[in-house]
Amino acid sequence: MQVIVDMAKCVGAGACVLTAPDVFDQNEDDGKVIVMISSPDEARRAEVVESCNVCPTMALSIQD
């Protein structure tokens, strides 16, 4: 599983960080997403999928 981010869509809402704090963080300057684990293991799949689903701008996706 690979996390894909469209930085042009990210507005820094932070929903991904709240849903998967081990995988995502936010840039202190603009609030945009920082992917800390770009290839999370299967144990994190549910939370990463949820992060993709709750992103208000659909900036996140997963590629298997």
C-alpha atoms as a PDB file:
ATOM      1  CA  MET A   1       0.000   0.000   0.000  1.00  0.00           C
ATOM      2  CA  GLN A   2       1.312   3.421  -1.010  1.00  0.00           C
ATOM      3  CA  VAL A   3      -0.172   6.698   0.267  1.00  0.00           C
ATOM      4  CA  ILE A   4      -0.642   9.269  -2.498  1.00  0.00           C
ATOM      5  CA  VAL A   5      -1.162  12.968  -1.720  1.00  0.00           C
ATOM      6  CA  ASP A   6      -2.307  15.650  -4.131  1.00  0.00           C
ATOM      7  CA  MET A   7      -0.703  18.653  -2.433  1.00  0.00           C
ATOM      8  CA  ALA A   8      -2.582  21.037  -4.713  1.00  0.00           C
ATOM      9  CA  LYS A   9      -5.842  19.834  -3.118  1.00  0.00           C
ATOM     10  CA  CYS A  10      -4.678  19.768   0.516  1.00  0.00           C
ATOM     11  CA  VAL A  11      -6.030  22.662   2.575  1.00  0.00           C
ATOM     12  CA  GLY A  12      -4.602  21.596   5.926  1.00  0.00           C
ATOM     13  CA  ALA A  13      -7.871  20.550   7.550  1.00  0.00           C
ATOM     14  CA  GLY A  14      -6.042  17.939   9.621  1.00  0.00           C
ATOM     15  CA  ALA A  15      -8.671  15.195   9.447  1.00  0.00           C
ATOM     16  CA  CYS A  16      -6.001  12.730   8.299  1.00  0.00           C
ATOM     17  CA  VAL A  17      -3.855  13.473  11.339  1.00  0.00           C
ATOM     18  CA  LEU A  18      -6.776  12.915  13.687  1.00  0.00           C
ATOM     19  CA  THR A  19      -7.623   9.615  11.996  1.00  0.00           C
ATOM     20  CA  ALA A  20      -4.114   8.200  11.507  1.00  0.00           C
ATOM     21  CA  PRO A  21      -1.644  10.159  13.660  1.00  0.00           C
ATOM     22  CA  ASP A  22       1.122   7.574  13.183  1.00  0.00           C
ATOM     23  CA  VAL A  23       0.966   8.000   9.409  1.00  0.00           C
ATOM     24  CA  PHE A  24       0.191  11.706   8.923  1.00  0.00           C
ATOM     25  CA  ASP A  25       1.327  14.997  10.419  1.00  0.00           C
ATOM     26  CA  GLN A  26       0.866  18.643   9.475  1.00  0.00           C
ATOM     27  CA  ASN A  27       3.371  21.236   8.343  1.00  0.00           C
ATOM     28  CA  GLU A  28       3.665  23.909  11.025  1.00  0.00           C
ATOM     29  CA  ASP A  29       3.857  26.694   8.438  1.00  0.00           C
ATOM     30  CA  ASP A  30       0.830  26.018   6.239  1.00  0.00           C
ATOM     31  CA  GLY A  31      -0.933  23.071   7.911  1.00  0.00           C
ATOM     32  CA  LYS A  32      -0.626  20.872   4.834  1.00  0.00           C
ATOM     33  CA  VAL A  33      -0.199  17.145   5.234  1.00  0.00           C
ATOM     34  CA  ILE A  34       3.136  15.474   5.838  1.00  0.00           C
ATOM     35  CA  VAL A  35       3.200  11.739   5.147  1.00  0.00           C
ATOM     36  CA  MET A  36       5.405  10.165   7.795  1.00  0.00           C
ATOM     37  CA  ILE A  37       4.923   6.575   6.573  1.00  0.00           C
ATOM     38  CA  SER A  38       4.479   6.502   2.799  1.00  0.00           C
ATOM     39  CA  SER A  39       4.078   2.707   2.680  1.00  0.00           C
ATOM     40  CA  PRO A  40       2.130   1.770   5.814  1.00  0.00           C
ATOM     41  CA  ASP A  41       1.761  -1.876   6.737  1.00  0.00           C
ATOM     42  CA  GLU A  42      -1.532  -3.755   6.470  1.00  0.00           C
ATOM     43  CA  ALA A  43      -2.220  -3.257  10.179  1.00  0.00           C
ATOM     44  CA  ARG A  44      -2.725   0.454   9.445  1.00  0.00           C
ATOM     45  CA  ARG A  45      -4.898  -0.049   6.348  1.00  0.00           C
ATOM     46  CA  ALA A  46      -8.228   0.684   8.066  1.00  0.00           C
ATOM     47  CA  GLU A  47      -7.076   3.986   9.535  1.00  0.00           C
ATOM     48  CA  VAL A  48      -5.397   5.087   6.306  1.00  0.00           C
ATOM     49  CA  VAL A  49      -8.532   4.255   4.293  1.00  0.00           C
ATOM     50  CA  GLU A  50     -10.584   6.224   6.839  1.00  0.00           C
ATOM     51  CA  SER A  51      -8.198   9.168   6.459  1.00  0.00           C
ATOM     52  CA  CYS A  52      -8.760   9.105   2.709  1.00  0.00           C
ATOM     53  CA  ASN A  53     -12.517   8.995   3.252  1.00  0.00           C
ATOM     54  CA  VAL A  54     -12.638  11.895   5.731  1.00  0.00           C
ATOM     55  CA  CYS A  55     -10.354  14.225   3.782  1.00  0.00           C
ATOM     56  CA  PRO A  56     -12.650  17.136   2.844  1.00  0.00           C
ATOM     57  CA  THR A  57     -10.794  17.841  -0.404  1.00  0.00           C
ATOM     58  CA  MET A  58     -10.062  14.224  -1.368  1.00  0.00           C
ATOM     59  CA  ALA A  59      -6.337  14.987  -1.425  1.00  0.00           C
ATOM     60  CA  LEU A  60      -5.427  11.493  -0.197  1.00  0.00           C
ATOM     61  CA  SER A  61      -5.585   8.154  -1.969  1.00  0.00           C
ATOM     62  CA  ILE A  62      -4.069   4.694  -1.738  1.00  0.00           C
ATOM     63  CA  GLN A  63      -2.338   2.729  -4.441  1.00  0.00           C
ATOM     64  CA  ASP A  64      -1.924  -1.023  -3.903  1.00  0.00           C
END
